[in-house]
């Protein structure tokens, strides 16, 4: 049975550094980013704010969308974020129930 997936964008602040990722479990993955348990780009740049996400019925579709977005210009990614989240709120707090980060 196919499992659904999510494409998401994290930021460290409004108009800050962006990261586009894909996962089959958005809650778990956001938690991992917020705790900094996975070494690499997101931990090094403090990317913990979920500023955009999109759900898919199958993970393959999510992976295709992630690759598409990763190939985009930064300005297009910002337009995508601001269409859903014009104030760059941390959607992990407002939609997923995570606690507020220190500077929110």
PDB file of N, CA and C in Angstrom:
ATOM      1  N   UNK A   1       0.845  -1.196   0.000  1.00  0.00           N
ATOM      2  CA  UNK A   1       0.000   0.000   0.000  1.00  0.00           C
ATOM      3  C   UNK A   1       0.882   1.247   0.000  1.00  0.00           C
ATOM      4  N   UNK A   2       0.578   2.186  -0.870  1.00  0.00           N
ATOM      5  CA  UNK A   2       1.317   3.447  -0.956  1.00  0.00           C
ATOM      6  C   UNK A   2       1.068   4.286   0.293  1.00  0.00           C
ATOM      7  N   UNK A   3       2.098   4.942   0.729  1.00  0.00           N
ATOM      8  CA  UNK A   3       1.983   5.843   1.868  1.00  0.00           C
ATOM      9  C   UNK A   3       2.051   7.272   1.356  1.00  0.00           C
ATOM     10  N   UNK A   4       1.287   8.154   1.963  1.00  0.00           N
ATOM     11  CA  UNK A   4       1.289   9.551   1.574  1.00  0.00           C
ATOM     12  C   UNK A   4       2.610  10.231   1.905  1.00  0.00           C
ATOM     13  N   UNK A   5       2.729  11.454   1.464  1.00  0.00           N
ATOM     14  CA  UNK A   5       3.944  12.201   1.722  1.00  0.00           C
ATOM     15  C   UNK A   5       3.684  13.690   1.810  1.00  0.00           C
ATOM     16  N   UNK A   6       4.689  14.393   2.270  1.00  0.00           N
ATOM     17  CA  UNK A   6       4.619  15.847   2.431  1.00  0.00           C
ATOM     18  C   UNK A   6       5.886  16.477   1.882  1.00  0.00           C
ATOM     19  N   UNK A   7       5.723  17.614   1.252  1.00  0.00           N
ATOM     20  CA  UNK A   7       6.849  18.469   0.902  1.00  0.00           C
ATOM     21  C   UNK A   7       6.739  19.655   1.848  1.00  0.00           C
ATOM     22  N   UNK A   8       7.860  20.119   2.351  1.00  0.00           N
ATOM     23  CA  UNK A   8       7.824  21.207   3.322  1.00  0.00           C
ATOM     24  C   UNK A   8       9.001  22.145   3.105  1.00  0.00           C
ATOM     25  N   UNK A   9       8.829  23.375   3.575  1.00  0.00           N
ATOM     26  CA  UNK A   9       9.911  24.348   3.546  1.00  0.00           C
ATOM     27  C   UNK A   9      10.108  24.865   4.959  1.00  0.00           C
ATOM     28  N   UNK A  10      11.364  24.853   5.388  1.00  0.00           N
ATOM     29  CA  UNK A  10      11.761  25.410   6.682  1.00  0.00           C
ATOM     30  C   UNK A  10      12.525  26.701   6.446  1.00  0.00           C
ATOM     31  N   UNK A  11      12.493  27.574   7.443  1.00  0.00           N
ATOM     32  CA  UNK A  11      13.272  28.818   7.405  1.00  0.00           C
ATOM     33  C   UNK A  11      13.799  29.095   8.805  1.00  0.00           C
ATOM     34  N   UNK A  12      14.832  29.906   8.882  1.00  0.00           N
ATOM     35  CA  UNK A  12      15.330  30.306  10.196  1.00  0.00           C
ATOM     36  C   UNK A  12      14.714  31.633  10.633  1.00  0.00           C
ATOM     37  N   UNK A  13      14.162  32.380   9.687  1.00  0.00           N
ATOM     38  CA  UNK A  13      13.469  33.638   9.971  1.00  0.00           C
ATOM     39  C   UNK A  13      12.773  34.088   8.699  1.00  0.00           C
ATOM     40  N   UNK A  14      11.974  35.126   8.792  1.00  0.00           N
ATOM     41  CA  UNK A  14      11.304  35.677   7.611  1.00  0.00           C
ATOM     42  C   UNK A  14      12.357  36.081   6.580  1.00  0.00           C
ATOM     43  N   UNK A  15      12.160  35.639   5.353  1.00  0.00           N
ATOM     44  CA  UNK A  15      13.071  35.926   4.238  1.00  0.00           C
ATOM     45  C   UNK A  15      14.483  35.386   4.479  1.00  0.00           C
ATOM     46  N   UNK A  16      14.630  34.463   5.409  1.00  0.00           N
ATOM     47  CA  UNK A  16      15.942  33.915   5.754  1.00  0.00           C
ATOM     48  C   UNK A  16      16.328  32.743   4.872  1.00  0.00           C
ATOM     49  N   UNK A  17      17.222  31.919   5.400  1.00  0.00           N
ATOM     50  CA  UNK A  17      17.679  30.719   4.706  1.00  0.00           C
ATOM     51  C   UNK A  17      16.523  29.733   4.605  1.00  0.00           C
ATOM     52  N   UNK A  18      16.415  29.079   3.448  1.00  0.00           N
ATOM     53  CA  UNK A  18      15.319  28.136   3.197  1.00  0.00           C
ATOM     54  C   UNK A  18      15.850  26.729   2.976  1.00  0.00           C
ATOM     55  N   UNK A  19      15.027  25.755   3.344  1.00  0.00           N
ATOM     56  CA  UNK A  19      15.323  24.352   3.085  1.00  0.00           C
ATOM     57  C   UNK A  19      14.035  23.675   2.640  1.00  0.00           C
ATOM     58  N   UNK A  20      14.090  22.958   1.537  1.00  0.00           N
ATOM     59  CA  UNK A  20      12.942  22.192   1.045  1.00  0.00           C
ATOM     60  C   UNK A  20      13.211  20.717   1.281  1.00  0.00           C
ATOM     61  N   UNK A  21      12.245  20.027   1.881  1.00  0.00           N
ATOM     62  CA  UNK A  21      12.409  18.610   2.168  1.00  0.00           C
ATOM     63  C   UNK A  21      11.152  17.831   1.861  1.00  0.00           C
ATOM     64  N   UNK A  22      11.265  16.511   1.973  1.00  0.00           N
ATOM     65  CA  UNK A  22      10.143  15.606   1.749  1.00  0.00           C
ATOM     66  C   UNK A  22      10.150  14.551   2.848  1.00  0.00           C
ATOM     67  N   UNK A  23       8.960  14.118   3.252  1.00  0.00           N
ATOM     68  CA  UNK A  23       8.849  13.124   4.317  1.00  0.00           C
ATOM     69  C   UNK A  23       7.513  12.406   4.213  1.00  0.00           C
ATOM     70  N   UNK A  24       7.446  11.229   4.799  1.00  0.00           N
ATOM     71  CA  UNK A  24       6.172  10.521   4.906  1.00  0.00           C
ATOM     72  C   UNK A  24       5.495  10.818   6.246  1.00  0.00           C
ATOM     73  N   UNK A  25       6.210  11.474   7.163  1.00  0.00           N
ATOM     74  CA  UNK A  25       5.684  11.761   8.503  1.00  0.00           C
ATOM     75  C   UNK A  25       6.100  13.179   8.896  1.00  0.00           C
ATOM     76  N   UNK A  26       5.228  14.135   8.621  1.00  0.00           N
ATOM     77  CA  UNK A  26       5.567  15.546   8.842  1.00  0.00           C
ATOM     78  C   UNK A  26       5.818  15.862  10.313  1.00  0.00           C
ATOM     79  N   UNK A  27       5.004  15.332  11.208  1.00  0.00           N
ATOM     80  CA  UNK A  27       5.183  15.599  12.644  1.00  0.00           C
ATOM     81  C   UNK A  27       6.565  15.129  13.118  1.00  0.00           C
ATOM     82  N   UNK A  28       6.921  13.904  12.763  1.00  0.00           N
ATOM     83  CA  UNK A  28       8.216  13.360  13.182  1.00  0.00           C
ATOM     84  C   UNK A  28       9.362  14.186  12.600  1.00  0.00           C
ATOM     85  N   UNK A  29       9.266  14.496  11.320  1.00  0.00           N
ATOM     86  CA  UNK A  29      10.366  15.200  10.655  1.00  0.00           C
ATOM     87  C   UNK A  29      10.532  16.607  11.209  1.00  0.00           C
ATOM     88  N   UNK A  30       9.442  17.322  11.441  1.00  0.00           N
ATOM     89  CA  UNK A  30       9.532  18.664  12.020  1.00  0.00           C
ATOM     90  C   UNK A  30      10.143  18.575  13.417  1.00  0.00           C
ATOM     91  N   UNK A  31       9.735  17.585  14.183  1.00  0.00           N
ATOM     92  CA  UNK A  31      10.306  17.386  15.517  1.00  0.00           C
ATOM     93  C   UNK A  31      11.817  17.176  15.434  1.00  0.00           C
ATOM     94  N   UNK A  32      12.260  16.356  14.494  1.00  0.00           N
ATOM     95  CA  UNK A  32      13.696  16.110  14.325  1.00  0.00           C
ATOM     96  C   UNK A  32      14.444  17.401  13.990  1.00  0.00           C
ATOM     97  N   UNK A  33      13.863  18.216  13.109  1.00  0.00           N
ATOM     98  CA  UNK A  33      14.508  19.489  12.761  1.00  0.00           C
ATOM     99  C   UNK A  33      14.557  20.421  13.967  1.00  0.00           C
ATOM    100  N   UNK A  34      13.468  20.502  14.705  1.00  0.00           N
ATOM    101  CA  UNK A  34      13.411  21.415  15.850  1.00  0.00           C
ATOM    102  C   UNK A  34      14.383  20.998  16.959  1.00  0.00           C
ATOM    103  N   UNK A  35      14.561  19.689  17.126  1.00  0.00           N
ATOM    104  CA  UNK A  35      15.491  19.187  18.142  1.00  0.00           C
ATOM    105  C   UNK A  35      16.943  19.193  17.657  1.00  0.00           C
ATOM    106  N   UNK A  36      17.145  19.346  16.353  1.00  0.00           N
ATOM    107  CA  UNK A  36      18.495  19.362  15.797  1.00  0.00           C
ATOM    108  C   UNK A  36      19.194  18.019  15.860  1.00  0.00           C
ATOM    109  N   UNK A  37      18.436  16.937  15.776  1.00  0.00           N
ATOM    110  CA  UNK A  37      19.031  15.606  15.934  1.00  0.00           C
ATOM    111  C   UNK A  37      19.703  15.083  14.668  1.00  0.00           C
ATOM    112  N   UNK A  38      19.430  15.710  13.530  1.00  0.00           N
ATOM    113  CA  UNK A  38      20.017  15.239  12.281  1.00  0.00           C
ATOM    114  C   UNK A  38      21.090  16.240  11.839  1.00  0.00           C
ATOM    115  N   UNK A  39      22.346  15.777  11.744  1.00  0.00           N
ATOM    116  CA  UNK A  39      23.411  16.683  11.324  1.00  0.00           C
ATOM    117  C   UNK A  39      23.212  17.129   9.873  1.00  0.00           C
ATOM    118  N   UNK A  40      23.724  18.296   9.561  1.00  0.00           N
ATOM    119  CA  UNK A  40      23.670  18.768   8.184  1.00  0.00           C
ATOM    120  C   UNK A  40      23.198  20.200   8.079  1.00  0.00           C
ATOM    121  N   UNK A  41      22.732  20.541   6.891  1.00  0.00           N
ATOM    122  CA  UNK A  41      22.389  21.909   6.525  1.00  0.00           C
ATOM    123  C   UNK A  41      21.379  22.546   7.480  1.00  0.00           C
ATOM    124  N   UNK A  42      20.282  21.836   7.779  1.00  0.00           N
ATOM    125  CA  UNK A  42      19.233  22.445   8.601  1.00  0.00           C
ATOM    126  C   UNK A  42      19.720  22.732  10.015  1.00  0.00           C
ATOM    127  N   UNK A  43      20.494  21.849  10.577  1.00  0.00           N
ATOM    128  CA  UNK A  43      21.028  22.083  11.926  1.00  0.00           C
ATOM    129  C   UNK A  43      22.058  23.203  11.907  1.00  0.00           C
ATOM    130  N   UNK A  44      22.933  23.193  10.919  1.00  0.00           N
ATOM    131  CA  UNK A  44      23.976  24.228  10.825  1.00  0.00           C
ATOM    132  C   UNK A  44      23.401  25.630  10.675  1.00  0.00           C
ATOM    133  N   UNK A  45      22.258  25.744  10.008  1.00  0.00           N
ATOM    134  CA  UNK A  45      21.659  27.058   9.743  1.00  0.00           C
ATOM    135  C   UNK A  45      20.471  27.379  10.647  1.00  0.00           C
ATOM    136  N   UNK A  46      20.183  26.537  11.610  1.00  0.00           N
ATOM    137  CA  UNK A  46      19.092  26.795  12.555  1.00  0.00           C
ATOM    138  C   UNK A  46      17.721  26.834  11.905  1.00  0.00           C
ATOM    139  N   UNK A  47      17.492  25.953  10.947  1.00  0.00           N
ATOM    140  CA  UNK A  47      16.215  25.926  10.224  1.00  0.00           C
ATOM    141  C   UNK A  47      15.211  25.082  11.001  1.00  0.00           C
ATOM    142  N   UNK A  48      14.340  25.758  11.741  1.00  0.00           N
ATOM    143  CA  UNK A  48      13.382  25.072  12.610  1.00  0.00           C
ATOM    144  C   UNK A  48      11.945  25.516  12.397  1.00  0.00           C
ATOM    145  N   UNK A  49      11.732  26.568  11.647  1.00  0.00           N
ATOM    146  CA  UNK A  49      10.388  27.115  11.443  1.00  0.00           C
ATOM    147  C   UNK A  49       9.746  26.511  10.194  1.00  0.00           C
ATOM    148  N   UNK A  50       8.646  25.838  10.347  1.00  0.00           N
ATOM    149  CA  UNK A  50       7.898  25.301   9.221  1.00  0.00           C
ATOM    150  C   UNK A  50       7.080  26.440   8.619  1.00  0.00           C
ATOM    151  N   UNK A  51       7.448  26.886   7.416  1.00  0.00           N
ATOM    152  CA  UNK A  51       6.766  28.032   6.820  1.00  0.00           C
ATOM    153  C   UNK A  51       5.852  27.668   5.654  1.00  0.00           C
ATOM    154  N   UNK A  52       5.962  26.426   5.168  1.00  0.00           N
ATOM    155  CA  UNK A  52       5.105  25.975   4.066  1.00  0.00           C
ATOM    156  C   UNK A  52       5.103  24.457   4.037  1.00  0.00           C
ATOM    157  N   UNK A  53       3.984  23.867   3.617  1.00  0.00           N
ATOM    158  CA  UNK A  53       3.927  22.422   3.414  1.00  0.00           C
ATOM    159  C   UNK A  53       2.790  22.093   2.461  1.00  0.00           C
ATOM    160  N   UNK A  54       2.899  20.916   1.851  1.00  0.00           N
ATOM    161  CA  UNK A  54       1.885  20.430   0.922  1.00  0.00           C
ATOM    162  C   UNK A  54       1.796  18.915   1.085  1.00  0.00           C
ATOM    163  N   UNK A  55       0.577  18.393   1.166  1.00  0.00           N
ATOM    164  CA  UNK A  55       0.359  16.954   1.351  1.00  0.00           C
ATOM    165  C   UNK A  55       0.064  16.283   0.020  1.00  0.00           C
ATOM    166  N   UNK A  56       0.487  15.025  -0.093  1.00  0.00           N
ATOM    167  CA  UNK A  56       0.273  14.220  -1.291  1.00  0.00           C
ATOM    168  C   UNK A  56      -0.244  12.840  -0.894  1.00  0.00           C
ATOM    169  N   UNK A  57      -1.021  12.239  -1.765  1.00  0.00           N
ATOM    170  CA  UNK A  57      -1.576  10.920  -1.502  1.00  0.00           C
ATOM    171  C   UNK A  57      -0.551   9.803  -1.566  1.00  0.00           C
ATOM    172  N   UNK A  58       0.551  10.046  -2.277  1.00  0.00           N
ATOM    173  CA  UNK A  58       1.608   9.034  -2.321  1.00  0.00           C
ATOM    174  C   UNK A  58       2.972   9.713  -2.280  1.00  0.00           C
ATOM    175  N   UNK A  59       3.934   9.020  -1.728  1.00  0.00           N
ATOM    176  CA  UNK A  59       5.260   9.574  -1.500  1.00  0.00           C
ATOM    177  C   UNK A  59       5.972   9.889  -2.816  1.00  0.00           C
ATOM    178  N   UNK A  60       5.715   9.113  -3.860  1.00  0.00           N
ATOM    179  CA  UNK A  60       6.368   9.367  -5.153  1.00  0.00           C
ATOM    180  C   UNK A  60       5.983  10.738  -5.705  1.00  0.00           C
ATOM    181  N   UNK A  61       4.718  11.118  -5.567  1.00  0.00           N
ATOM    182  CA  UNK A  61       4.266  12.439  -6.011  1.00  0.00           C
ATOM    183  C   UNK A  61       4.934  13.531  -5.179  1.00  0.00           C
ATOM    184  N   UNK A  62       5.078  13.289  -3.890  1.00  0.00           N
ATOM    185  CA  UNK A  62       5.738  14.251  -3.017  1.00  0.00           C
ATOM    186  C   UNK A  62       7.199  14.425  -3.420  1.00  0.00           C
ATOM    187  N   UNK A  63       7.873  13.341  -3.738  1.00  0.00           N
ATOM    188  CA  UNK A  63       9.280  13.411  -4.146  1.00  0.00           C
ATOM    189  C   UNK A  63       9.421  14.194  -5.451  1.00  0.00           C
ATOM    190  N   UNK A  64       8.513  13.973  -6.396  1.00  0.00           N
ATOM    191  CA  UNK A  64       8.559  14.731  -7.657  1.00  0.00           C
ATOM    192  C   UNK A  64       8.384  16.224  -7.394  1.00  0.00           C
ATOM    193  N   UNK A  65       7.444  16.580  -6.518  1.00  0.00           N
ATOM    194  CA  UNK A  65       7.191  17.994  -6.190  1.00  0.00           C
ATOM    195  C   UNK A  65       8.401  18.598  -5.479  1.00  0.00           C
ATOM    196  N   UNK A  66       9.016  17.858  -4.568  1.00  0.00           N
ATOM    197  CA  UNK A  66      10.199  18.360  -3.875  1.00  0.00           C
ATOM    198  C   UNK A  66      11.298  18.689  -4.876  1.00  0.00           C
ATOM    199  N   UNK A  67      11.556  17.793  -5.809  1.00  0.00           N
ATOM    200  CA  UNK A  67      12.593  18.026  -6.825  1.00  0.00           C
ATOM    201  C   UNK A  67      12.270  19.243  -7.670  1.00  0.00           C
ATOM    202  N   UNK A  68      10.993  19.416  -8.001  1.00  0.00           N
ATOM    203  CA  UNK A  68      10.565  20.577  -8.776  1.00  0.00           C
ATOM    204  C   UNK A  68      10.863  21.873  -8.018  1.00  0.00           C
ATOM    205  N   UNK A  69      10.451  21.916  -6.752  1.00  0.00           N
ATOM    206  CA  UNK A  69      10.638  23.131  -5.949  1.00  0.00           C
ATOM    207  C   UNK A  69      12.116  23.408  -5.713  1.00  0.00           C
ATOM    208  N   UNK A  70      12.900  22.376  -5.457  1.00  0.00           N
ATOM    209  CA  UNK A  70      14.337  22.567  -5.235  1.00  0.00           C
ATOM    210  C   UNK A  70      15.020  23.184  -6.446  1.00  0.00           C
ATOM    211  N   UNK A  71      14.486  22.954  -7.633  1.00  0.00           N
ATOM    212  CA  UNK A  71      15.073  23.512  -8.856  1.00  0.00           C
ATOM    213  C   UNK A  71      14.647  24.961  -9.106  1.00  0.00           C
ATOM    214  N   UNK A  72      13.683  25.442  -8.347  1.00  0.00           N
ATOM    215  CA  UNK A  72      13.170  26.802  -8.537  1.00  0.00           C
ATOM    216  C   UNK A  72      14.156  27.857  -8.059  1.00  0.00           C
ATOM    217  N   UNK A  73      13.956  29.069  -8.585  1.00  0.00           N
ATOM    218  CA  UNK A  73      14.662  30.245  -8.084  1.00  0.00           C
ATOM    219  C   UNK A  73      14.129  30.565  -6.686  1.00  0.00           C
ATOM    220  N   UNK A  74      14.969  31.186  -5.888  1.00  0.00           N
ATOM    221  CA  UNK A  74      14.589  31.569  -4.526  1.00  0.00           C
ATOM    222  C   UNK A  74      13.310  32.423  -4.520  1.00  0.00           C
ATOM    223  N   UNK A  75      13.213  33.353  -5.438  1.00  0.00           N
ATOM    224  CA  UNK A  75      12.044  34.249  -5.487  1.00  0.00           C
ATOM    225  C   UNK A  75      10.753  33.459  -5.663  1.00  0.00           C
ATOM    226  N   UNK A  76      10.782  32.392  -6.444  1.00  0.00           N
ATOM    227  CA  UNK A  76       9.584  31.573  -6.643  1.00  0.00           C
ATOM    228  C   UNK A  76       9.214  30.852  -5.359  1.00  0.00           C
ATOM    229  N   UNK A  77      10.217  30.396  -4.615  1.00  0.00           N
ATOM    230  CA  UNK A  77       9.947  29.727  -3.340  1.00  0.00           C
ATOM    231  C   UNK A  77       9.316  30.710  -2.352  1.00  0.00           C
ATOM    232  N   UNK A  78       9.819  31.922  -2.337  1.00  0.00           N
ATOM    233  CA  UNK A  78       9.257  32.942  -1.442  1.00  0.00           C
ATOM    234  C   UNK A  78       7.807  33.233  -1.821  1.00  0.00           C
ATOM    235  N   UNK A  79       7.512  33.324  -3.115  1.00  0.00           N
ATOM    236  CA  UNK A  79       6.129  33.530  -3.558  1.00  0.00           C
ATOM    237  C   UNK A  79       5.237  32.372  -3.107  1.00  0.00           C
ATOM    238  N   UNK A  80       5.729  31.157  -3.205  1.00  0.00           N
ATOM    239  CA  UNK A  80       4.978  29.982  -2.770  1.00  0.00           C
ATOM    240  C   UNK A  80       4.673  30.060  -1.276  1.00  0.00           C
ATOM    241  N   UNK A  81       5.687  30.393  -0.489  1.00  0.00           N
ATOM    242  CA  UNK A  81       5.510  30.520   0.963  1.00  0.00           C
ATOM    243  C   UNK A  81       4.482  31.596   1.270  1.00  0.00           C
ATOM    244  N   UNK A  82       4.649  32.769   0.679  1.00  0.00           N
ATOM    245  CA  UNK A  82       3.797  33.909   1.017  1.00  0.00           C
ATOM    246  C   UNK A  82       2.359  33.749   0.533  1.00  0.00           C
ATOM    247  N   UNK A  83       2.133  32.896  -0.464  1.00  0.00           N
ATOM    248  CA  UNK A  83       0.755  32.614  -0.892  1.00  0.00           C
ATOM    249  C   UNK A  83      -0.003  31.855   0.200  1.00  0.00           C
ATOM    250  N   UNK A  84       0.700  30.988   0.937  1.00  0.00           N
ATOM    251  CA  UNK A  84       0.084  30.197   2.011  1.00  0.00           C
ATOM    252  C   UNK A  84       0.239  30.889   3.368  1.00  0.00           C
ATOM    253  N   UNK A  85       1.350  31.572   3.551  1.00  0.00           N
ATOM    254  CA  UNK A  85       1.755  32.037   4.872  1.00  0.00           C
ATOM    255  C   UNK A  85       2.409  33.420   4.746  1.00  0.00           C
ATOM    256  N   UNK A  86       1.611  34.466   4.462  1.00  0.00           N
ATOM    257  CA  UNK A  86       2.177  35.786   4.173  1.00  0.00           C
ATOM    258  C   UNK A  86       2.994  36.402   5.315  1.00  0.00           C
ATOM    259  N   UNK A  87       2.748  35.987   6.538  1.00  0.00           N
ATOM    260  CA  UNK A  87       3.468  36.549   7.682  1.00  0.00           C
ATOM    261  C   UNK A  87       4.603  35.643   8.162  1.00  0.00           C
ATOM    262  N   UNK A  88       4.868  34.578   7.435  1.00  0.00           N
ATOM    263  CA  UNK A  88       5.948  33.640   7.759  1.00  0.00           C
ATOM    264  C   UNK A  88       5.795  33.091   9.175  1.00  0.00           C
ATOM    265  N   UNK A  89       4.565  32.783   9.563  1.00  0.00           N
ATOM    266  CA  UNK A  89       4.317  32.183  10.874  1.00  0.00           C
ATOM    267  C   UNK A  89       4.924  30.786  10.916  1.00  0.00           C
ATOM    268  N   UNK A  90       5.243  30.321  12.103  1.00  0.00           N
ATOM    269  CA  UNK A  90       5.733  28.954  12.270  1.00  0.00           C
ATOM    270  C   UNK A  90       4.516  28.037  12.282  1.00  0.00           C
ATOM    271  N   UNK A  91       4.268  27.368  11.158  1.00  0.00           N
ATOM    272  CA  UNK A  91       3.102  26.503  11.021  1.00  0.00           C
ATOM    273  C   UNK A  91       3.183  25.278  11.915  1.00  0.00           C
ATOM    274  N   UNK A  92       4.375  24.948  12.389  1.00  0.00           N
ATOM    275  CA  UNK A  92       4.512  23.845  13.340  1.00  0.00           C
ATOM    276  C   UNK A  92       3.761  24.180  14.629  1.00  0.00           C
ATOM    277  N   UNK A  93       3.713  25.455  14.976  1.00  0.00           N
ATOM    278  CA  UNK A  93       2.995  25.906  16.167  1.00  0.00           C
ATOM    279  C   UNK A  93       1.493  25.989  15.883  1.00  0.00           C
ATOM    280  N   UNK A  94       1.133  26.750  14.844  1.00  0.00           N
ATOM    281  CA  UNK A  94      -0.284  27.019  14.584  1.00  0.00           C
ATOM    282  C   UNK A  94      -1.052  25.838  14.011  1.00  0.00           C
ATOM    283  N   UNK A  95      -0.387  24.942  13.280  1.00  0.00           N
ATOM    284  CA  UNK A  95      -1.110  23.833  12.647  1.00  0.00           C
ATOM    285  C   UNK A  95      -0.805  22.468  13.247  1.00  0.00           C
ATOM    286  N   UNK A  96       0.387  22.295  13.797  1.00  0.00           N
ATOM    287  CA  UNK A  96       0.778  20.977  14.300  1.00  0.00           C
ATOM    288  C   UNK A  96       0.839  20.900  15.826  1.00  0.00           C
ATOM    289  N   UNK A  97       0.690  22.043  16.509  1.00  0.00           N
ATOM    290  CA  UNK A  97       0.647  22.037  17.963  1.00  0.00           C
ATOM    291  C   UNK A  97       1.981  22.019  18.680  1.00  0.00           C
ATOM    292  N   UNK A  98       3.063  22.324  17.973  1.00  0.00           N
ATOM    293  CA  UNK A  98       4.372  22.381  18.622  1.00  0.00           C
ATOM    294  C   UNK A  98       4.465  23.637  19.488  1.00  0.00           C
ATOM    295  N   UNK A  99       5.327  23.623  20.515  1.00  0.00           N
ATOM    296  CA  UNK A  99       5.523  24.832  21.318  1.00  0.00           C
ATOM    297  C   UNK A  99       6.250  25.901  20.511  1.00  0.00           C
ATOM    298  N   UNK A 100       6.055  27.128  20.913  1.00  0.00           N
ATOM    299  CA  UNK A 100       6.721  28.257  20.259  1.00  0.00           C
ATOM    300  C   UNK A 100       8.228  28.180  20.484  1.00  0.00           C
ATOM    301  N   UNK A 101       8.962  28.529  19.443  1.00  0.00           N
ATOM    302  CA  UNK A 101      10.431  28.602  19.570  1.00  0.00           C
ATOM    303  C   UNK A 101      10.804  29.875  20.324  1.00  0.00           C
ATOM    304  N   UNK A 102      11.997  29.954  20.807  1.00  0.00           N
ATOM    305  CA  UNK A 102      12.460  31.060  21.640  1.00  0.00           C
ATOM    306  C   UNK A 102      12.190  32.459  21.145  1.00  0.00           C
ATOM    307  N   UNK A 103      12.364  32.725  19.870  1.00  0.00           N
ATOM    308  CA  UNK A 103      12.246  34.101  19.367  1.00  0.00           C
ATOM    309  C   UNK A 103      10.959  34.376  18.614  1.00  0.00           C
ATOM    310  N   UNK A 104       9.967  33.505  18.693  1.00  0.00           N
ATOM    311  CA  UNK A 104       8.707  33.739  17.966  1.00  0.00           C
ATOM    312  C   UNK A 104       7.817  34.709  18.706  1.00  0.00           C
TER     313      UNK A 104
END
